[in-house]
Amino acid sequence: MALIDLSKKEVHCKIVFYGPGRCGKTTNLLYIHKAMDEKDRGKMLTIDTKGDRTLFFDLLPLNLGKISGFDIRIQLYTVPGQVMYEATRQLVLKGVDGLVFVADPLKVRQERNIESLEDLRRNLAKHNLDMDKMPLVLQYNKRDLCDTPVPTLTVEELEHDLNSTLKTASYEAIATTGVGVFDTLKEISKRTVRYVAEKHLLVKM
């Protein structure tokens, strides 16, 4: 649930990047943070853990104008993808307003993508959240691997595996170089702000 600060007339929206281990969630946030002007971003907080580089990023705000007189700020988080960090994923999802699911393109990780998406659905349900009713964008990362000998999934295969029922926006990306990163961020930010405005501001304020 978005944090509404009446004293500052600000609404803080929380977007979580989710996906299997090493799919590029951390790389997305690193690229965004580095590319943004210092005045437009807050401090990045990280916790490094053996087996997964980062548990989460905290406080990466983006100014998105105003809604009903309130300034909108976005906080971006990521979660560890490995199975052992189930409790951390549940914790980071608390209070989430929008989601980016980052998929791995390697054929050997096809099942991990599907399992991770189902894991997201289960963990949201534990917070009484319905994934089908939340802002969610898919990102098919590491598309540069398609030009290598490594067997990769096509966009059509990823769509079939992950988006056949969700039918949401999806973006191809190469997070290491920034391709598709801000397209993904712009779309989920718009959806999240609209969701928060309708659910919280316009209804409760």
Protein backbone atom coordinates (compact mmCIF):
# COMPACT_ATOMS: atom_id res chain seq x y z
CA MET A 1 0.00 0.00 0.00
CA ALA A 2 1.34 3.41 -0.96
CA LEU A 3 2.60 5.63 1.87
CA ILE A 4 0.73 8.93 1.91
CA ASP A 5 2.62 11.73 3.68
CA LEU A 6 0.07 14.45 4.38
CA SER A 7 2.64 16.85 5.87
CA LYS A 8 4.77 16.81 2.71
CA LYS A 9 1.85 16.13 0.37
CA GLU A 10 3.72 13.19 -1.12
CA VAL A 11 2.71 9.69 -2.12
CA HIS A 12 5.43 7.03 -2.08
CA CYS A 13 4.73 4.14 -4.47
CA LYS A 14 6.63 0.87 -4.18
CA ILE A 15 7.64 -1.08 -7.28
CA VAL A 16 9.36 -4.46 -6.90
CA PHE A 17 11.49 -6.15 -9.57
CA TYR A 18 10.91 -9.91 -9.27
CA GLY A 19 12.25 -12.94 -11.10
CA PRO A 20 14.54 -15.98 -10.92
CA GLY A 21 18.11 -15.73 -9.67
CA ARG A 22 20.54 -13.82 -11.90
CA CYS A 23 17.93 -12.81 -14.45
CA GLY A 24 19.04 -9.17 -14.32
CA LYS A 25 16.88 -7.51 -11.66
CA THR A 26 19.86 -5.95 -9.92
CA THR A 27 21.38 -4.88 -13.24
CA ASN A 28 18.17 -3.01 -14.09
CA LEU A 29 18.28 -1.00 -10.90
CA LEU A 30 22.00 -0.31 -11.15
CA TYR A 31 21.54 1.03 -14.68
CA ILE A 32 18.58 3.22 -13.69
CA HIS A 33 20.37 4.63 -10.67
CA LYS A 34 23.54 5.42 -12.61
CA ALA A 35 21.68 6.98 -15.55
CA MET A 36 19.57 9.34 -13.46
CA ASP A 37 20.61 12.80 -12.34
CA GLU A 38 21.63 12.93 -8.69
CA LYS A 39 18.90 15.43 -7.88
CA ASP A 40 16.27 13.02 -9.17
CA ARG A 41 17.35 9.95 -7.24
CA GLY A 42 17.79 9.02 -3.63
CA LYS A 43 20.40 6.94 -1.87
CA MET A 44 20.68 3.32 -2.93
CA LEU A 45 20.78 0.83 -0.05
CA THR A 46 22.02 -2.71 -0.62
CA ILE A 47 22.64 -5.89 1.32
CA ASP A 48 25.04 -8.34 -0.29
CA THR A 49 24.44 -12.02 0.38
CA LYS A 50 26.40 -15.12 -0.54
CA GLY A 51 24.75 -16.74 -3.57
CA ASP A 52 22.79 -13.68 -4.68
CA ARG A 53 24.51 -10.34 -5.10
CA THR A 54 21.86 -8.14 -3.56
CA LEU A 55 18.82 -8.66 -1.37
CA PHE A 56 17.14 -5.37 -2.13
CA PHE A 57 17.51 -1.78 -3.21
CA ASP A 58 15.72 0.84 -1.21
CA LEU A 59 14.77 4.43 -1.88
CA LEU A 60 15.22 5.11 -5.56
CA PRO A 61 12.61 7.82 -6.11
CA LEU A 62 11.52 9.23 -9.45
CA ASN A 63 9.51 12.42 -9.68
CA LEU A 64 6.38 11.86 -11.73
CA GLY A 65 4.55 15.15 -11.28
CA LYS A 66 1.43 15.43 -9.15
CA ILE A 67 -1.89 13.68 -8.66
CA SER A 68 -4.64 15.52 -6.80
CA GLY A 69 -2.02 17.98 -5.57
CA PHE A 70 0.29 15.27 -4.22
CA ASP A 71 3.85 14.76 -5.44
CA ILE A 72 4.44 11.18 -6.61
CA ARG A 73 7.66 9.44 -5.77
CA ILE A 74 8.62 5.92 -6.81
CA GLN A 75 10.71 3.54 -4.72
CA LEU A 76 12.29 0.64 -6.59
CA TYR A 77 13.14 -2.63 -4.89
CA THR A 78 14.52 -5.93 -6.06
CA VAL A 79 14.37 -9.35 -4.43
CA PRO A 80 16.79 -12.30 -4.36
CA GLY A 81 15.72 -14.97 -6.82
CA GLN A 82 17.20 -18.05 -5.21
CA VAL A 83 14.92 -20.49 -3.42
CA MET A 84 16.70 -20.09 -0.06
CA TYR A 85 15.56 -16.46 0.19
CA GLU A 86 11.81 -17.16 0.24
CA ALA A 87 11.28 -15.24 3.50
CA THR A 88 13.09 -12.19 2.14
CA ARG A 89 10.98 -12.15 -1.02
CA GLN A 90 7.82 -12.22 1.07
CA LEU A 91 9.10 -9.38 3.25
CA VAL A 92 10.09 -7.13 0.34
CA LEU A 93 6.67 -7.63 -1.29
CA LYS A 94 4.92 -6.16 1.75
CA GLY A 95 3.20 -2.94 0.70
CA VAL A 96 4.03 -3.36 -3.00
CA ASP A 97 2.09 -1.20 -5.49
CA GLY A 98 3.56 -2.37 -8.81
CA LEU A 99 5.65 -5.23 -10.20
CA VAL A 100 8.21 -5.90 -12.91
CA PHE A 101 8.83 -9.58 -13.59
CA VAL A 102 12.25 -10.08 -15.22
CA ALA A 103 12.60 -13.32 -17.18
CA ASP A 104 15.79 -15.19 -17.99
CA PRO A 105 16.22 -16.03 -21.70
CA LEU A 106 18.25 -19.22 -21.31
CA LYS A 107 16.43 -22.39 -22.32
CA VAL A 108 17.89 -24.25 -19.34
CA ARG A 109 16.10 -21.76 -17.08
CA GLN A 110 12.70 -21.96 -18.76
CA GLU A 111 11.14 -23.81 -15.83
CA ARG A 112 12.71 -21.39 -13.35
CA ASN A 113 10.91 -18.51 -15.02
CA ILE A 114 7.56 -20.28 -14.71
CA GLU A 115 8.23 -21.34 -11.12
CA SER A 116 9.32 -17.82 -10.16
CA LEU A 117 6.14 -16.30 -11.57
CA GLU A 118 4.04 -18.78 -9.61
CA ASP A 119 6.17 -18.01 -6.55
CA LEU A 120 5.30 -14.34 -7.02
CA ARG A 121 1.60 -15.16 -7.17
CA ARG A 122 1.79 -17.23 -3.97
CA ASN A 123 3.79 -14.62 -2.06
CA LEU A 124 1.41 -11.85 -3.07
CA ALA A 125 -1.53 -13.95 -1.88
CA LYS A 126 0.11 -14.12 1.54
CA HIS A 127 -0.27 -10.34 1.66
CA ASN A 128 -3.88 -10.63 0.43
CA LEU A 129 -2.88 -9.28 -2.99
CA ASP A 130 -4.13 -10.63 -6.32
CA MET A 131 -1.45 -10.59 -9.01
CA ASP A 132 -4.09 -10.37 -11.76
CA LYS A 133 -5.39 -7.08 -10.33
CA MET A 134 -2.04 -5.38 -9.76
CA PRO A 135 0.11 -3.30 -12.12
CA LEU A 136 2.54 -5.79 -13.66
CA VAL A 137 4.94 -5.54 -16.59
CA LEU A 138 7.11 -8.33 -17.99
CA GLN A 139 10.68 -7.79 -19.11
CA TYR A 140 12.49 -10.32 -21.31
CA ASN A 141 16.08 -9.52 -20.44
CA LYS A 142 19.48 -10.47 -21.90
CA ARG A 143 18.23 -10.47 -25.49
CA ASP A 144 21.84 -10.02 -26.62
CA LEU A 145 22.36 -13.72 -25.79
CA CYS A 146 20.20 -14.54 -28.81
CA ASP A 147 23.20 -13.69 -30.99
CA THR A 148 25.40 -16.24 -29.24
CA PRO A 149 25.62 -20.06 -29.50
CA VAL A 150 23.89 -20.38 -26.11
CA PRO A 151 20.35 -21.85 -26.55
CA THR A 152 17.82 -19.14 -25.72
CA LEU A 153 14.06 -18.78 -25.57
CA THR A 154 12.27 -16.81 -28.27
CA VAL A 155 9.94 -13.97 -27.34
CA GLU A 156 7.08 -16.16 -28.54
CA GLU A 157 8.11 -18.92 -26.12
CA LEU A 158 8.42 -16.46 -23.24
CA GLU A 159 5.01 -15.00 -24.07
CA HIS A 160 3.49 -18.49 -24.08
CA ASP A 161 5.12 -19.44 -20.79
CA LEU A 162 4.52 -16.22 -18.86
CA ASN A 163 1.99 -13.97 -20.55
CA SER A 164 -0.68 -16.22 -22.02
CA THR A 165 -3.06 -15.54 -19.14
CA LEU A 166 -1.68 -12.25 -17.79
CA LYS A 167 -1.83 -10.53 -21.19
CA THR A 168 0.14 -7.56 -19.92
CA ALA A 169 2.79 -5.34 -21.51
CA SER A 170 6.16 -6.97 -22.14
CA TYR A 171 9.50 -5.50 -23.18
CA GLU A 172 12.69 -6.94 -24.61
CA ALA A 173 15.75 -5.65 -22.81
CA ILE A 174 19.50 -5.75 -22.40
CA ALA A 175 19.86 -4.35 -18.90
CA THR A 176 23.66 -4.17 -19.05
CA THR A 177 23.46 -1.54 -21.80
CA GLY A 178 20.10 -0.03 -20.88
CA VAL A 179 18.12 -1.30 -23.87
CA GLY A 180 14.48 -1.51 -22.82
CA VAL A 181 15.22 -0.60 -19.20
CA PHE A 182 13.57 2.81 -19.16
CA ASP A 183 10.76 1.62 -21.43
CA THR A 184 9.95 -0.98 -18.77
CA LEU A 185 10.26 1.56 -15.97
CA LYS A 186 8.11 4.16 -17.71
CA GLU A 187 5.29 1.68 -18.34
CA ILE A 188 5.20 0.22 -14.83
CA SER A 189 5.47 3.69 -13.29
CA LYS A 190 2.47 4.94 -15.26
CA ARG A 191 0.42 1.88 -14.36
CA THR A 192 1.41 2.04 -10.71
CA VAL A 193 0.63 5.73 -10.31
CA ARG A 194 -2.77 5.24 -11.92
CA TYR A 195 -3.44 2.24 -9.67
CA VAL A 196 -2.44 4.13 -6.52
CA ALA A 197 -4.44 7.20 -7.49
CA GLU A 198 -7.58 5.17 -8.09
CA LYS A 199 -7.18 2.91 -5.07
CA HIS A 200 -5.93 5.36 -2.48
CA LEU A 201 -5.94 9.02 -3.39
CA LEU A 202 -9.12 9.41 -5.38
CA VAL A 203 -11.02 7.02 -3.14
CA LYS A 204 -9.72 7.83 0.34
CA MET A 205 -8.50 11.41 0.15
